[in-house]
Amino acid sequence: MYCLNIHTLCIFNPLTLLNFPPLQIIMEEKPEHPLLVLIADAHGAINTFEKQKEIIERYKPVFVLSESMENNNVESDFDFNRIMKKDKISNMTSMKDVKELIKLCHGEKTKLIGIDFENFLIDRKLQIKLNRYPDRITDEEEKKLEELGKRRENKHVKMIQKYLEISRKPLVVIVNAKELRKYSLIRKSFSHYHLVYMANPQGEMILSPTKEKLKWIEEDF
């Protein structure tokens, strides 16, 4: 076979191809999407922290995202020493609510990331009422809290998306159980996740403290 172009005349022998090694196409495998683990925190329920501890020790995440940490991060010894000197995270979150989680993550070399707003966006007047007279919340104030809740949920979803993109290990997220109800914004925003929640004898997710006998349930979606 002869090939001709304007620069040169060459003689091509197909048999010479036999002297070359076979062509190999190497494709880099894309890492699997990090596993998303959602833990429903029914505030006040018994042994909530113990389950969180079990999950964190099981999956050994680089990041744990927490609603209760509000807008505070603990990513270094400096962060840890600074926050442990406080008696509260904010006007809405006492230190006792998150102290064990902070100590656990620090001990596991896991970065603890707050995914909410300071004081959950609640103004000072309503903060006082919620902390001292929660049974006196008006319908108008309840509506305001629901509106703030939507803004907070949107931020939670964005923060989860952000850390899913940068984490190559399972991502553990701890939020209020109400945000993990079926058809909630978080559950609609992600197609694959491992859900951990406390349930009553009927298997229904517990959204608040109860005297019923409780059990932990784990499901994959």
Protein backbone atom coordinates (compact mmCIF):
# COMPACT_ATOMS: atom_id res chain seq x y z
CA MET A 1 0.00 0.00 0.00
CA TYR A 2 1.28 3.46 -0.88
CA CYS A 3 0.30 6.78 0.68
CA LEU A 4 1.04 10.11 -0.86
CA ASN A 5 0.86 13.64 0.50
CA ILE A 6 2.39 16.92 -0.55
CA HIS A 7 5.38 16.49 1.79
CA THR A 8 6.52 12.93 1.38
CA LEU A 9 6.02 9.61 -0.28
CA CYS A 10 5.85 6.68 2.11
CA ILE A 11 5.47 2.97 1.77
CA PHE A 12 3.23 1.41 4.41
CA ASN A 13 3.40 -2.31 5.18
CA PRO A 14 0.44 -3.56 7.31
CA LEU A 15 2.63 -6.36 8.66
CA THR A 16 4.69 -3.83 10.62
CA LEU A 17 1.73 -3.36 12.98
CA LEU A 18 2.42 -6.83 14.31
CA ASN A 19 5.59 -5.50 15.94
CA PHE A 20 3.67 -3.04 18.15
CA PRO A 21 2.01 -4.01 21.45
CA PRO A 22 -1.80 -3.93 21.50
CA LEU A 23 -3.32 -0.54 22.22
CA GLN A 24 -4.75 -0.26 25.74
CA ILE A 25 -7.34 2.34 26.67
CA ILE A 26 -7.01 3.28 30.33
CA MET A 27 -10.04 4.97 31.88
CA GLU A 28 -9.81 6.46 35.34
CA GLU A 29 -12.56 5.15 37.56
CA LYS A 30 -14.67 7.83 39.18
CA PRO A 31 -14.92 7.26 42.95
CA GLU A 32 -18.29 6.22 44.21
CA HIS A 33 -20.45 9.01 45.59
CA PRO A 34 -19.81 9.28 49.33
CA LEU A 35 -22.39 7.59 51.47
CA LEU A 36 -24.81 10.02 53.09
CA VAL A 37 -25.89 9.06 56.60
CA LEU A 38 -28.82 11.03 58.04
CA ILE A 39 -29.43 10.81 61.80
CA ALA A 40 -32.77 12.06 63.13
CA ASP A 41 -32.28 13.85 66.44
CA ALA A 42 -35.47 13.75 68.50
CA HIS A 43 -34.41 16.36 71.04
CA GLY A 44 -34.77 15.03 74.56
CA ALA A 45 -35.13 11.38 73.53
CA ILE A 46 -33.15 8.86 75.57
CA ASN A 47 -29.72 7.70 74.35
CA THR A 48 -29.68 9.91 71.26
CA PHE A 49 -25.99 10.64 71.68
CA GLU A 50 -25.09 6.99 72.16
CA LYS A 51 -26.52 6.18 68.73
CA GLN A 52 -24.72 9.13 67.18
CA LYS A 53 -21.49 7.84 68.73
CA GLU A 54 -22.12 4.36 67.32
CA ILE A 55 -22.68 5.71 63.80
CA ILE A 56 -19.65 8.01 63.87
CA GLU A 57 -17.37 5.24 65.12
CA ARG A 58 -18.79 2.86 62.51
CA TYR A 59 -18.36 5.08 59.45
CA LYS A 60 -15.35 7.14 60.60
CA PRO A 61 -16.31 10.23 58.59
CA VAL A 62 -14.02 13.15 57.83
CA PHE A 63 -16.94 15.50 58.44
CA VAL A 64 -19.97 15.43 60.73
CA LEU A 65 -22.59 18.08 59.97
CA SER A 66 -24.71 19.22 62.89
CA GLU A 67 -27.74 21.48 63.09
CA SER A 68 -27.24 22.00 66.83
CA MET A 69 -23.77 23.46 66.28
CA GLU A 70 -25.53 26.34 64.49
CA ASN A 71 -22.75 28.26 62.67
CA ASN A 72 -19.82 26.94 64.72
CA ASN A 73 -17.12 24.63 63.38
CA VAL A 74 -14.62 22.54 65.34
CA GLU A 75 -11.85 21.59 62.91
CA SER A 76 -8.69 21.99 64.99
CA ASP A 77 -7.28 21.86 68.52
CA PHE A 78 -7.61 25.64 68.63
CA ASP A 79 -11.33 25.46 67.76
CA PHE A 80 -11.83 22.72 70.34
CA ASN A 81 -10.11 24.56 73.19
CA ARG A 82 -11.93 27.78 72.38
CA ILE A 83 -15.42 26.32 72.27
CA MET A 84 -14.96 24.12 75.33
CA LYS A 85 -14.50 27.26 77.43
CA LYS A 86 -18.04 28.36 76.62
CA ASP A 87 -21.14 27.55 78.65
CA LYS A 88 -23.42 27.81 75.64
CA ILE A 89 -23.29 27.75 71.86
CA SER A 90 -25.81 30.55 71.62
CA ASN A 91 -28.95 31.82 73.34
CA MET A 92 -30.79 28.85 71.85
CA THR A 93 -28.28 26.03 72.38
CA SER A 94 -26.61 25.18 75.67
CA MET A 95 -23.18 23.62 75.78
CA LYS A 96 -24.57 20.47 77.39
CA ASP A 97 -26.59 19.82 74.22
CA VAL A 98 -23.46 19.40 72.10
CA LYS A 99 -20.54 18.91 74.50
CA GLU A 100 -20.35 15.12 74.14
CA LEU A 101 -20.57 15.32 70.36
CA ILE A 102 -17.79 17.92 70.26
CA LYS A 103 -15.54 15.76 72.45
CA LEU A 104 -16.30 12.64 70.41
CA CYS A 105 -15.52 14.24 67.05
CA HIS A 106 -12.36 15.83 68.36
CA GLY A 107 -11.18 12.49 69.73
CA GLU A 108 -11.96 10.78 66.41
CA LYS A 109 -10.11 13.50 64.43
CA THR A 110 -13.41 14.28 62.73
CA LYS A 111 -14.28 17.82 61.67
CA LEU A 112 -17.57 18.97 63.25
CA ILE A 113 -19.39 21.48 61.06
CA GLY A 114 -22.33 23.67 62.05
CA ILE A 115 -24.84 23.91 59.21
CA ASP A 116 -27.38 26.35 60.65
CA PHE A 117 -27.63 30.04 61.49
CA GLU A 118 -26.73 31.64 64.80
CA ASN A 119 -29.68 31.31 67.19
CA PHE A 120 -31.54 29.56 64.33
CA LEU A 121 -32.41 33.06 62.99
CA ILE A 122 -34.75 33.64 65.96
CA ASP A 123 -34.83 37.22 67.26
CA ARG A 124 -34.10 38.07 70.87
CA LYS A 125 -37.73 38.63 71.90
CA LEU A 126 -38.83 35.25 70.58
CA GLN A 127 -35.73 33.57 72.01
CA ILE A 128 -36.77 34.62 75.51
CA LYS A 129 -40.30 33.42 74.96
CA LEU A 130 -39.24 30.04 73.60
CA ASN A 131 -36.80 29.48 76.45
CA ARG A 132 -39.05 30.67 79.28
CA TYR A 133 -42.66 30.47 78.12
CA PRO A 134 -42.87 28.02 75.17
CA ASP A 135 -46.54 27.35 75.90
CA ARG A 136 -47.36 31.01 75.21
CA ILE A 137 -46.25 31.06 71.57
CA THR A 138 -48.95 32.71 69.45
CA ASP A 139 -50.19 31.48 66.06
CA GLU A 140 -48.43 34.40 64.41
CA GLU A 141 -45.16 33.53 66.11
CA GLU A 142 -45.60 29.87 65.17
CA LYS A 143 -46.03 30.93 61.55
CA LYS A 144 -42.85 33.00 61.77
CA LEU A 145 -40.95 30.01 63.14
CA GLU A 146 -42.19 27.89 60.24
CA GLU A 147 -40.93 30.48 57.75
CA LEU A 148 -37.54 30.57 59.47
CA GLY A 149 -37.55 26.79 59.43
CA LYS A 150 -37.80 26.76 55.63
CA ARG A 151 -34.80 29.08 55.32
CA ARG A 152 -32.85 26.85 57.68
CA GLU A 153 -33.77 23.69 55.78
CA ASN A 154 -32.60 25.28 52.53
CA LYS A 155 -29.25 26.05 54.12
CA HIS A 156 -28.99 22.51 55.47
CA VAL A 157 -29.47 21.08 51.98
CA LYS A 158 -26.84 23.41 50.50
CA MET A 159 -24.34 22.54 53.20
CA ILE A 160 -24.91 18.82 52.71
CA GLN A 161 -24.40 19.22 48.96
CA LYS A 162 -21.19 21.18 49.55
CA TYR A 163 -19.64 18.58 51.83
CA LEU A 164 -20.75 15.65 49.69
CA GLU A 165 -18.71 17.16 46.89
CA ILE A 166 -15.52 17.48 48.91
CA SER A 167 -15.75 14.36 51.07
CA ARG A 168 -14.42 11.03 49.86
CA LYS A 169 -15.67 9.21 52.94
CA PRO A 170 -19.16 8.73 54.39
CA LEU A 171 -20.80 12.00 55.41
CA VAL A 172 -22.75 11.96 58.69
CA VAL A 173 -25.50 14.56 59.15
CA ILE A 174 -27.41 15.15 62.40
CA VAL A 175 -30.59 17.22 62.18
CA ASN A 176 -33.95 17.51 63.88
CA ALA A 177 -36.18 14.51 63.21
CA LYS A 178 -38.85 16.82 61.76
CA GLU A 179 -36.52 17.56 58.86
CA LEU A 180 -36.24 13.88 58.01
CA ARG A 181 -39.91 13.04 57.73
CA LYS A 182 -41.02 11.44 54.50
CA TYR A 183 -41.22 14.02 51.68
CA SER A 184 -39.14 16.53 53.67
CA LEU A 185 -36.86 18.84 51.70
CA ILE A 186 -33.69 16.99 52.69
CA ARG A 187 -35.06 13.58 51.77
CA LYS A 188 -36.41 14.88 48.46
CA SER A 189 -33.05 16.50 47.65
CA PHE A 190 -30.98 13.31 47.87
CA SER A 191 -31.71 10.00 46.16
CA HIS A 192 -29.36 7.67 48.04
CA TYR A 193 -28.88 7.78 51.80
CA HIS A 194 -28.84 5.75 55.00
CA LEU A 195 -31.50 6.93 57.46
CA VAL A 196 -31.16 6.42 61.21
CA TYR A 197 -34.09 7.32 63.45
CA MET A 198 -35.78 6.52 66.73
CA ALA A 199 -39.22 4.94 66.38
CA ASN A 200 -42.19 3.90 68.51
CA PRO A 201 -43.42 0.27 68.67
CA GLN A 202 -45.34 0.87 65.41
CA GLY A 203 -42.14 1.84 63.61
CA GLU A 204 -43.10 5.52 63.30
CA MET A 205 -40.36 8.14 63.56
CA ILE A 206 -40.35 9.98 66.89
CA LEU A 207 -40.36 13.76 66.45
CA SER A 208 -40.32 14.76 70.11
CA PRO A 209 -39.83 13.22 73.58
CA THR A 210 -42.33 10.50 74.47
CA LYS A 211 -42.97 7.93 77.18
CA GLU A 212 -43.44 5.17 74.61
CA LYS A 213 -40.95 2.33 74.36
CA LEU A 214 -38.51 3.35 71.66
CA LYS A 215 -36.18 1.57 69.25
CA TRP A 216 -33.61 2.65 66.70
CA ILE A 217 -34.27 1.87 63.05
CA GLU A 218 -31.81 2.07 60.15
CA GLU A 219 -32.96 2.04 56.52
CA ASP A 220 -31.35 2.51 53.13
CA PHE A 221 -32.98 4.59 50.42
